[in-house]
PDB file of N, CA and C in Angstrom:
ATOM      1  N   UNK A   1      -2.156  42.157  44.292  1.00  0.00           N
ATOM      2  CA  UNK A   1      -2.704  42.717  43.079  1.00  0.00           C
ATOM      3  C   UNK A   1      -2.199  44.150  42.912  1.00  0.00           C
ATOM      4  N   UNK A   2      -1.735  44.481  41.736  1.00  0.00           N
ATOM      5  CA  UNK A   2      -1.234  45.804  41.445  1.00  0.00           C
ATOM      6  C   UNK A   2      -2.362  46.663  40.887  1.00  0.00           C
ATOM      7  N   UNK A   3      -2.444  47.893  41.360  1.00  0.00           N
ATOM      8  CA  UNK A   3      -3.458  48.797  40.849  1.00  0.00           C
ATOM      9  C   UNK A   3      -2.813  49.800  39.899  1.00  0.00           C
ATOM     10  N   UNK A   4      -3.641  50.438  39.099  1.00  0.00           N
ATOM     11  CA  UNK A   4      -3.157  51.459  38.180  1.00  0.00           C
ATOM     12  C   UNK A   4      -2.465  52.556  38.995  1.00  0.00           C
ATOM     13  N   UNK A   5      -1.310  52.957  38.561  1.00  0.00           N
ATOM     14  CA  UNK A   5      -0.487  54.015  39.155  1.00  0.00           C
ATOM     15  C   UNK A   5       0.187  53.621  40.476  1.00  0.00           C
ATOM     16  N   UNK A   6       0.099  52.344  40.887  1.00  0.00           N
ATOM     17  CA  UNK A   6       0.754  51.962  42.141  1.00  0.00           C
ATOM     18  C   UNK A   6       2.275  52.123  42.042  1.00  0.00           C
ATOM     19  N   UNK A   7       2.856  51.816  40.890  1.00  0.00           N
ATOM     20  CA  UNK A   7       4.300  51.995  40.699  1.00  0.00           C
ATOM     21  C   UNK A   7       4.655  53.473  40.791  1.00  0.00           C
ATOM     22  N   UNK A   8       3.860  54.314  40.138  1.00  0.00           N
ATOM     23  CA  UNK A   8       4.114  55.752  40.149  1.00  0.00           C
ATOM     24  C   UNK A   8       3.965  56.339  41.548  1.00  0.00           C
ATOM     25  N   UNK A   9       2.955  55.880  42.289  1.00  0.00           N
ATOM     26  CA  UNK A   9       2.768  56.374  43.655  1.00  0.00           C
ATOM     27  C   UNK A   9       3.918  55.946  44.563  1.00  0.00           C
ATOM     28  N   UNK A  10       4.416  54.722  44.384  1.00  0.00           N
ATOM     29  CA  UNK A  10       5.582  54.268  45.152  1.00  0.00           C
ATOM     30  C   UNK A  10       6.820  55.085  44.794  1.00  0.00           C
ATOM     31  N   UNK A  11       6.980  55.381  43.510  1.00  0.00           N
ATOM     32  CA  UNK A  11       8.110  56.205  43.062  1.00  0.00           C
ATOM     33  C   UNK A  11       8.030  57.581  43.700  1.00  0.00           C
ATOM     34  N   UNK A  12       6.835  58.161  43.746  1.00  0.00           N
ATOM     35  CA  UNK A  12       6.657  59.470  44.388  1.00  0.00           C
ATOM     36  C   UNK A  12       7.069  59.398  45.857  1.00  0.00           C
ATOM     37  N   UNK A  13       6.586  58.390  46.565  1.00  0.00           N
ATOM     38  CA  UNK A  13       6.913  58.267  47.993  1.00  0.00           C
ATOM     39  C   UNK A  13       8.410  58.076  48.214  1.00  0.00           C
ATOM     40  N   UNK A  14       9.042  57.273  47.366  1.00  0.00           N
ATOM     41  CA  UNK A  14      10.484  57.047  47.483  1.00  0.00           C
ATOM     42  C   UNK A  14      11.290  58.323  47.280  1.00  0.00           C
ATOM     43  N   UNK A  15      10.806  59.198  46.421  1.00  0.00           N
ATOM     44  CA  UNK A  15      11.549  60.419  46.070  1.00  0.00           C
ATOM     45  C   UNK A  15      10.960  61.678  46.696  1.00  0.00           C
ATOM     46  N   UNK A  16      10.001  61.496  47.564  1.00  0.00           N
ATOM     47  CA  UNK A  16       9.265  62.628  48.142  1.00  0.00           C
ATOM     48  C   UNK A  16      10.161  63.629  48.852  1.00  0.00           C
ATOM     49  N   UNK A  17      11.081  63.172  49.658  1.00  0.00           N
ATOM     50  CA  UNK A  17      11.952  64.090  50.404  1.00  0.00           C
ATOM     51  C   UNK A  17      12.747  64.989  49.454  1.00  0.00           C
ATOM     52  N   UNK A  18      13.323  64.400  48.421  1.00  0.00           N
ATOM     53  CA  UNK A  18      14.096  65.188  47.450  1.00  0.00           C
ATOM     54  C   UNK A  18      13.182  66.133  46.675  1.00  0.00           C
ATOM     55  N   UNK A  19      11.995  65.656  46.299  1.00  0.00           N
ATOM     56  CA  UNK A  19      11.054  66.513  45.590  1.00  0.00           C
ATOM     57  C   UNK A  19      10.623  67.697  46.443  1.00  0.00           C
ATOM     58  N   UNK A  20      10.411  67.465  47.732  1.00  0.00           N
ATOM     59  CA  UNK A  20      10.041  68.563  48.624  1.00  0.00           C
ATOM     60  C   UNK A  20      11.147  69.606  48.711  1.00  0.00           C
ATOM     61  N   UNK A  21      12.387  69.158  48.769  1.00  0.00           N
ATOM     62  CA  UNK A  21      13.517  70.106  48.830  1.00  0.00           C
ATOM     63  C   UNK A  21      13.651  70.907  47.544  1.00  0.00           C
ATOM     64  N   UNK A  22      13.446  70.245  46.410  1.00  0.00           N
ATOM     65  CA  UNK A  22      13.739  70.857  45.119  1.00  0.00           C
ATOM     66  C   UNK A  22      12.536  71.481  44.412  1.00  0.00           C
ATOM     67  N   UNK A  23      11.329  71.001  44.722  1.00  0.00           N
ATOM     68  CA  UNK A  23      10.193  71.422  43.903  1.00  0.00           C
ATOM     69  C   UNK A  23       8.883  71.525  44.674  1.00  0.00           C
ATOM     70  N   UNK A  24       8.931  71.883  45.936  1.00  0.00           N
ATOM     71  CA  UNK A  24       7.692  71.975  46.713  1.00  0.00           C
ATOM     72  C   UNK A  24       6.739  72.988  46.072  1.00  0.00           C
ATOM     73  N   UNK A  25       5.473  72.575  45.943  1.00  0.00           N
ATOM     74  CA  UNK A  25       4.458  73.431  45.348  1.00  0.00           C
ATOM     75  C   UNK A  25       4.318  73.271  43.847  1.00  0.00           C
ATOM     76  N   UNK A  26       5.240  72.556  43.219  1.00  0.00           N
ATOM     77  CA  UNK A  26       5.165  72.318  41.779  1.00  0.00           C
ATOM     78  C   UNK A  26       4.472  70.984  41.514  1.00  0.00           C
ATOM     79  N   UNK A  27       4.274  70.682  40.240  1.00  0.00           N
ATOM     80  CA  UNK A  27       3.636  69.431  39.838  1.00  0.00           C
ATOM     81  C   UNK A  27       4.682  68.516  39.219  1.00  0.00           C
ATOM     82  N   UNK A  28       4.717  67.278  39.697  1.00  0.00           N
ATOM     83  CA  UNK A  28       5.697  66.318  39.199  1.00  0.00           C
ATOM     84  C   UNK A  28       5.010  65.350  38.235  1.00  0.00           C
ATOM     85  N   UNK A  29       5.723  65.009  37.167  1.00  0.00           N
ATOM     86  CA  UNK A  29       5.254  64.045  36.172  1.00  0.00           C
ATOM     87  C   UNK A  29       6.044  62.765  36.359  1.00  0.00           C
ATOM     88  N   UNK A  30       5.333  61.661  36.644  1.00  0.00           N
ATOM     89  CA  UNK A  30       5.976  60.369  36.892  1.00  0.00           C
ATOM     90  C   UNK A  30       5.335  59.314  36.010  1.00  0.00           C
ATOM     91  N   UNK A  31       6.198  58.506  35.369  1.00  0.00           N
ATOM     92  CA  UNK A  31       5.743  57.363  34.580  1.00  0.00           C
ATOM     93  C   UNK A  31       6.602  56.180  34.982  1.00  0.00           C
ATOM     94  N   UNK A  32       5.979  55.158  35.560  1.00  0.00           N
ATOM     95  CA  UNK A  32       6.748  54.015  36.058  1.00  0.00           C
ATOM     96  C   UNK A  32       7.669  54.467  37.184  1.00  0.00           C
ATOM     97  N   UNK A  33       8.951  54.144  37.040  1.00  0.00           N
ATOM     98  CA  UNK A  33       9.940  54.554  38.039  1.00  0.00           C
ATOM     99  C   UNK A  33      10.645  55.845  37.640  1.00  0.00           C
ATOM    100  N   UNK A  34      10.213  56.455  36.553  1.00  0.00           N
ATOM    101  CA  UNK A  34      10.859  57.641  35.996  1.00  0.00           C
ATOM    102  C   UNK A  34      10.168  58.921  36.456  1.00  0.00           C
ATOM    103  N   UNK A  35      10.908  59.763  37.192  1.00  0.00           N
ATOM    104  CA  UNK A  35      10.428  61.102  37.513  1.00  0.00           C
ATOM    105  C   UNK A  35      10.865  61.975  36.348  1.00  0.00           C
ATOM    106  N   UNK A  36       9.921  62.280  35.470  1.00  0.00           N
ATOM    107  CA  UNK A  36      10.258  62.966  34.228  1.00  0.00           C
ATOM    108  C   UNK A  36      10.732  64.389  34.469  1.00  0.00           C
ATOM    109  N   UNK A  37       9.956  65.165  35.213  1.00  0.00           N
ATOM    110  CA  UNK A  37      10.273  66.575  35.423  1.00  0.00           C
ATOM    111  C   UNK A  37       9.214  67.193  36.322  1.00  0.00           C
ATOM    112  N   UNK A  38       9.479  68.408  36.817  1.00  0.00           N
ATOM    113  CA  UNK A  38       8.468  69.150  37.559  1.00  0.00           C
ATOM    114  C   UNK A  38       8.060  70.380  36.751  1.00  0.00           C
ATOM    115  N   UNK A  39       6.837  70.811  37.015  1.00  0.00           N
ATOM    116  CA  UNK A  39       6.242  71.921  36.264  1.00  0.00           C
ATOM    117  C   UNK A  39       5.548  72.873  37.225  1.00  0.00           C
ATOM    118  N   UNK A  40       5.489  74.129  36.842  1.00  0.00           N
ATOM    119  CA  UNK A  40       4.776  75.118  37.651  1.00  0.00           C
ATOM    120  C   UNK A  40       3.264  74.964  37.512  1.00  0.00           C
ATOM    121  N   UNK A  41       2.819  74.533  36.343  1.00  0.00           N
ATOM    122  CA  UNK A  41       1.383  74.410  36.065  1.00  0.00           C
ATOM    123  C   UNK A  41       0.998  72.952  35.841  1.00  0.00           C
ATOM    124  N   UNK A  42      -0.122  72.557  36.409  1.00  0.00           N
ATOM    125  CA  UNK A  42      -0.619  71.185  36.290  1.00  0.00           C
ATOM    126  C   UNK A  42      -0.869  70.802  34.829  1.00  0.00           C
ATOM    127  N   UNK A  43      -1.505  71.685  34.065  1.00  0.00           N
ATOM    128  CA  UNK A  43      -1.827  71.371  32.674  1.00  0.00           C
ATOM    129  C   UNK A  43      -0.577  71.207  31.819  1.00  0.00           C
ATOM    130  N   UNK A  44       0.504  71.908  32.141  1.00  0.00           N
ATOM    131  CA  UNK A  44       1.762  71.721  31.415  1.00  0.00           C
ATOM    132  C   UNK A  44       2.295  70.306  31.642  1.00  0.00           C
ATOM    133  N   UNK A  45       2.198  69.829  32.877  1.00  0.00           N
ATOM    134  CA  UNK A  45       2.658  68.476  33.203  1.00  0.00           C
ATOM    135  C   UNK A  45       1.799  67.426  32.497  1.00  0.00           C
ATOM    136  N   UNK A  46       0.491  67.641  32.473  1.00  0.00           N
ATOM    137  CA  UNK A  46      -0.409  66.693  31.815  1.00  0.00           C
ATOM    138  C   UNK A  46      -0.139  66.657  30.311  1.00  0.00           C
ATOM    139  N   UNK A  47      -0.010  67.823  29.700  1.00  0.00           N
ATOM    140  CA  UNK A  47       0.254  67.883  28.256  1.00  0.00           C
ATOM    141  C   UNK A  47       1.571  67.195  27.910  1.00  0.00           C
ATOM    142  N   UNK A  48       2.600  67.416  28.716  1.00  0.00           N
ATOM    143  CA  UNK A  48       3.891  66.771  28.475  1.00  0.00           C
ATOM    144  C   UNK A  48       3.788  65.262  28.669  1.00  0.00           C
ATOM    145  N   UNK A  49       2.989  64.818  29.628  1.00  0.00           N
ATOM    146  CA  UNK A  49       2.783  63.388  29.836  1.00  0.00           C
ATOM    147  C   UNK A  49       2.196  62.717  28.607  1.00  0.00           C
ATOM    148  N   UNK A  50       1.176  63.335  28.018  1.00  0.00           N
ATOM    149  CA  UNK A  50       0.587  62.776  26.801  1.00  0.00           C
ATOM    150  C   UNK A  50       1.567  62.837  25.633  1.00  0.00           C
ATOM    151  N   UNK A  51       2.291  63.936  25.505  1.00  0.00           N
ATOM    152  CA  UNK A  51       3.253  64.073  24.413  1.00  0.00           C
ATOM    153  C   UNK A  51       4.363  63.029  24.535  1.00  0.00           C
ATOM    154  N   UNK A  52       4.856  62.851  25.746  1.00  0.00           N
ATOM    155  CA  UNK A  52       6.011  61.988  25.966  1.00  0.00           C
ATOM    156  C   UNK A  52       5.659  60.501  26.045  1.00  0.00           C
ATOM    157  N   UNK A  53       4.546  60.182  26.723  1.00  0.00           N
ATOM    158  CA  UNK A  53       4.222  58.780  26.993  1.00  0.00           C
ATOM    159  C   UNK A  53       3.030  58.265  26.195  1.00  0.00           C
ATOM    160  N   UNK A  54       2.226  59.147  25.655  1.00  0.00           N
ATOM    161  CA  UNK A  54       1.036  58.734  24.924  1.00  0.00           C
ATOM    162  C   UNK A  54      -0.152  58.554  25.850  1.00  0.00           C
ATOM    163  N   UNK A  55      -1.150  57.861  25.345  1.00  0.00           N
ATOM    164  CA  UNK A  55      -2.388  57.662  26.087  1.00  0.00           C
ATOM    165  C   UNK A  55      -2.285  56.431  26.990  1.00  0.00           C
ATOM    166  N   UNK A  56      -1.394  56.534  27.970  1.00  0.00           N
ATOM    167  CA  UNK A  56      -1.183  55.476  28.963  1.00  0.00           C
ATOM    168  C   UNK A  56      -1.219  56.130  30.341  1.00  0.00           C
ATOM    169  N   UNK A  57      -1.418  55.338  31.389  1.00  0.00           N
ATOM    170  CA  UNK A  57      -1.437  55.935  32.727  1.00  0.00           C
ATOM    171  C   UNK A  57      -0.082  56.551  33.092  1.00  0.00           C
ATOM    172  N   UNK A  58      -0.136  57.764  33.605  1.00  0.00           N
ATOM    173  CA  UNK A  58       1.014  58.439  34.201  1.00  0.00           C
ATOM    174  C   UNK A  58       0.479  59.307  35.331  1.00  0.00           C
ATOM    175  N   UNK A  59       1.348  59.686  36.227  1.00  0.00           N
ATOM    176  CA  UNK A  59       0.931  60.427  37.414  1.00  0.00           C
ATOM    177  C   UNK A  59       1.397  61.868  37.338  1.00  0.00           C
ATOM    178  N   UNK A  60       0.488  62.789  37.576  1.00  0.00           N
ATOM    179  CA  UNK A  60       0.816  64.196  37.790  1.00  0.00           C
ATOM    180  C   UNK A  60       0.317  64.519  39.184  1.00  0.00           C
ATOM    181  N   UNK A  61       1.242  64.926  40.043  1.00  0.00           N
ATOM    182  CA  UNK A  61       0.908  65.133  41.451  1.00  0.00           C
ATOM    183  C   UNK A  61       1.578  66.390  41.956  1.00  0.00           C
ATOM    184  N   UNK A  62       0.850  67.167  42.748  1.00  0.00           N
ATOM    185  CA  UNK A  62       1.436  68.355  43.357  1.00  0.00           C
ATOM    186  C   UNK A  62       2.327  67.921  44.507  1.00  0.00           C
ATOM    187  N   UNK A  63       3.520  68.480  44.557  1.00  0.00           N
ATOM    188  CA  UNK A  63       4.486  68.155  45.598  1.00  0.00           C
ATOM    189  C   UNK A  63       4.164  69.028  46.808  1.00  0.00           C
ATOM    190  N   UNK A  64       3.646  68.409  47.863  1.00  0.00           N
ATOM    191  CA  UNK A  64       3.245  69.150  49.060  1.00  0.00           C
ATOM    192  C   UNK A  64       3.740  68.437  50.318  1.00  0.00           C
ATOM    193  N   UNK A  65       3.936  69.221  51.341  1.00  0.00           N
ATOM    194  CA  UNK A  65       4.391  68.693  52.629  1.00  0.00           C
ATOM    195  C   UNK A  65       3.302  67.822  53.272  1.00  0.00           C
ATOM    196  N   UNK A  66       2.079  68.329  53.276  1.00  0.00           N
ATOM    197  CA  UNK A  66       0.960  67.631  53.921  1.00  0.00           C
ATOM    198  C   UNK A  66      -0.087  67.303  52.865  1.00  0.00           C
ATOM    199  N   UNK A  67      -0.416  66.030  52.754  1.00  0.00           N
ATOM    200  CA  UNK A  67      -1.433  65.580  51.801  1.00  0.00           C
ATOM    201  C   UNK A  67      -2.816  65.858  52.386  1.00  0.00           C
ATOM    202  N   UNK A  68      -3.666  66.508  51.610  1.00  0.00           N
ATOM    203  CA  UNK A  68      -5.038  66.785  52.025  1.00  0.00           C
ATOM    204  C   UNK A  68      -5.955  65.976  51.125  1.00  0.00           C
ATOM    205  N   UNK A  69      -6.686  65.015  51.698  1.00  0.00           N
ATOM    206  CA  UNK A  69      -7.587  64.210  50.869  1.00  0.00           C
ATOM    207  C   UNK A  69      -8.677  65.086  50.263  1.00  0.00           C
ATOM    208  N   UNK A  70      -8.988  64.818  49.017  1.00  0.00           N
ATOM    209  CA  UNK A  70     -10.068  65.533  48.350  1.00  0.00           C
ATOM    210  C   UNK A  70     -11.298  64.648  48.373  1.00  0.00           C
ATOM    211  N   UNK A  71     -12.429  65.248  48.652  1.00  0.00           N
ATOM    212  CA  UNK A  71     -13.675  64.497  48.643  1.00  0.00           C
ATOM    213  C   UNK A  71     -14.617  65.125  47.624  1.00  0.00           C
ATOM    214  N   UNK A  72     -15.418  64.293  47.034  1.00  0.00           N
ATOM    215  CA  UNK A  72     -16.355  64.750  46.024  1.00  0.00           C
ATOM    216  C   UNK A  72     -17.727  64.216  46.368  1.00  0.00           C
ATOM    217  N   UNK A  73     -18.700  65.086  46.344  1.00  0.00           N
ATOM    218  CA  UNK A  73     -20.075  64.650  46.570  1.00  0.00           C
ATOM    219  C   UNK A  73     -20.632  64.093  45.272  1.00  0.00           C
ATOM    220  N   UNK A  74     -21.411  63.073  45.393  1.00  0.00           N
ATOM    221  CA  UNK A  74     -22.028  62.475  44.222  1.00  0.00           C
ATOM    222  C   UNK A  74     -23.266  63.259  43.826  1.00  0.00           C
ATOM    223  N   UNK A  75     -23.406  63.486  42.544  1.00  0.00           N
ATOM    224  CA  UNK A  75     -24.633  64.125  42.061  1.00  0.00           C
ATOM    225  C   UNK A  75     -25.846  63.234  42.292  1.00  0.00           C
ATOM    226  N   UNK A  76     -25.610  61.941  42.395  1.00  0.00           N
ATOM    227  CA  UNK A  76     -26.722  61.022  42.610  1.00  0.00           C
ATOM    228  C   UNK A  76     -27.411  61.282  43.938  1.00  0.00           C
ATOM    229  N   UNK A  77     -26.657  61.743  44.938  1.00  0.00           N
ATOM    230  CA  UNK A  77     -27.276  62.044  46.225  1.00  0.00           C
ATOM    231  C   UNK A  77     -28.281  63.169  46.074  1.00  0.00           C
ATOM    232  N   UNK A  78     -27.933  64.177  45.298  1.00  0.00           N
ATOM    233  CA  UNK A  78     -28.845  65.284  45.066  1.00  0.00           C
ATOM    234  C   UNK A  78     -30.101  64.832  44.324  1.00  0.00           C
ATOM    235  N   UNK A  79     -29.928  63.969  43.354  1.00  0.00           N
ATOM    236  CA  UNK A  79     -31.062  63.450  42.595  1.00  0.00           C
ATOM    237  C   UNK A  79     -31.955  62.622  43.510  1.00  0.00           C
ATOM    238  N   UNK A  80     -31.335  61.787  44.329  1.00  0.00           N
ATOM    239  CA  UNK A  80     -32.106  60.968  45.258  1.00  0.00           C
ATOM    240  C   UNK A  80     -32.899  61.866  46.200  1.00  0.00           C
ATOM    241  N   UNK A  81     -32.255  62.885  46.709  1.00  0.00           N
ATOM    242  CA  UNK A  81     -32.897  63.795  47.645  1.00  0.00           C
ATOM    243  C   UNK A  81     -34.089  64.494  46.979  1.00  0.00           C
ATOM    244  N   UNK A  82     -33.928  64.928  45.740  1.00  0.00           N
ATOM    245  CA  UNK A  82     -35.018  65.616  45.043  1.00  0.00           C
ATOM    246  C   UNK A  82     -36.197  64.679  44.791  1.00  0.00           C
ATOM    247  N   UNK A  83     -35.903  63.472  44.344  1.00  0.00           N
ATOM    248  CA  UNK A  83     -36.971  62.535  43.993  1.00  0.00           C
ATOM    249  C   UNK A  83     -37.707  62.014  45.219  1.00  0.00           C
ATOM    250  N   UNK A  84     -36.987  61.906  46.312  1.00  0.00           N
ATOM    251  CA  UNK A  84     -37.562  61.260  47.482  1.00  0.00           C
ATOM    252  C   UNK A  84     -37.641  62.194  48.680  1.00  0.00           C
ATOM    253  N   UNK A  85     -37.642  63.486  48.445  1.00  0.00           N
ATOM    254  CA  UNK A  85     -37.602  64.420  49.558  1.00  0.00           C
ATOM    255  C   UNK A  85     -38.836  64.310  50.445  1.00  0.00           C
ATOM    256  N   UNK A  86     -39.998  64.114  49.862  1.00  0.00           N
ATOM    257  CA  UNK A  86     -41.205  64.004  50.676  1.00  0.00           C
ATOM    258  C   UNK A  86     -41.139  62.767  51.558  1.00  0.00           C
ATOM    259  N   UNK A  87     -40.696  61.660  51.014  1.00  0.00           N
ATOM    260  CA  UNK A  87     -40.562  60.421  51.782  1.00  0.00           C
ATOM    261  C   UNK A  87     -39.544  60.578  52.895  1.00  0.00           C
ATOM    262  N   UNK A  88     -38.415  61.192  52.582  1.00  0.00           N
ATOM    263  CA  UNK A  88     -37.377  61.407  53.589  1.00  0.00           C
ATOM    264  C   UNK A  88     -37.852  62.359  54.676  1.00  0.00           C
ATOM    265  N   UNK A  89     -38.533  63.408  54.291  1.00  0.00           N
ATOM    266  CA  UNK A  89     -39.046  64.364  55.282  1.00  0.00           C
ATOM    267  C   UNK A  89     -40.016  63.686  56.240  1.00  0.00           C
ATOM    268  N   UNK A  90     -40.922  62.852  55.713  1.00  0.00           N
ATOM    269  CA  UNK A  90     -41.871  62.134  56.584  1.00  0.00           C
ATOM    270  C   UNK A  90     -41.127  61.197  57.522  1.00  0.00           C
ATOM    271  N   UNK A  91     -40.116  60.491  57.006  1.00  0.00           N
ATOM    272  CA  UNK A  91     -39.353  59.554  57.829  1.00  0.00           C
ATOM    273  C   UNK A  91     -38.600  60.297  58.938  1.00  0.00           C
ATOM    274  N   UNK A  92     -38.065  61.437  58.635  1.00  0.00           N
ATOM    275  CA  UNK A  92     -37.310  62.204  59.632  1.00  0.00           C
ATOM    276  C   UNK A  92     -38.257  62.759  60.706  1.00  0.00           C
ATOM    277  N   UNK A  93     -39.448  63.180  60.323  1.00  0.00           N
ATOM    278  CA  UNK A  93     -40.405  63.734  61.291  1.00  0.00           C
ATOM    279  C   UNK A  93     -40.974  62.654  62.202  1.00  0.00           C
ATOM    280  N   UNK A  94     -41.045  61.410  61.727  1.00  0.00           N
ATOM    281  CA  UNK A  94     -41.641  60.343  62.529  1.00  0.00           C
ATOM    282  C   UNK A  94     -40.692  59.818  63.593  1.00  0.00           C
ATOM    283  N   UNK A  95     -39.469  60.235  63.612  1.00  0.00           N
ATOM    284  CA  UNK A  95     -38.492  59.761  64.618  1.00  0.00           C
ATOM    285  C   UNK A  95     -38.724  60.375  65.948  1.00  0.00           C
TER     286      UNK A  95
END
């Protein structure tokens, strides 16, 4: 099964070495197998992606030597904690 942007991610990996040599620290715009261009600013790459390809999936990725996964906390955890804090506190104290 193919996922959204899988072609673009494969294209990035295939061209990663050359991108690192030529554009490390910049943002690359990829659509399908086409590496469109690199940009100094992320928003410039995104704007060009919409201008050039329209409202379709395309990849804008920072060219870096080491990939650092980004994690995001869910706001739902905070809501759960607020609504159920007394219950959670009692459960934690009873251990």
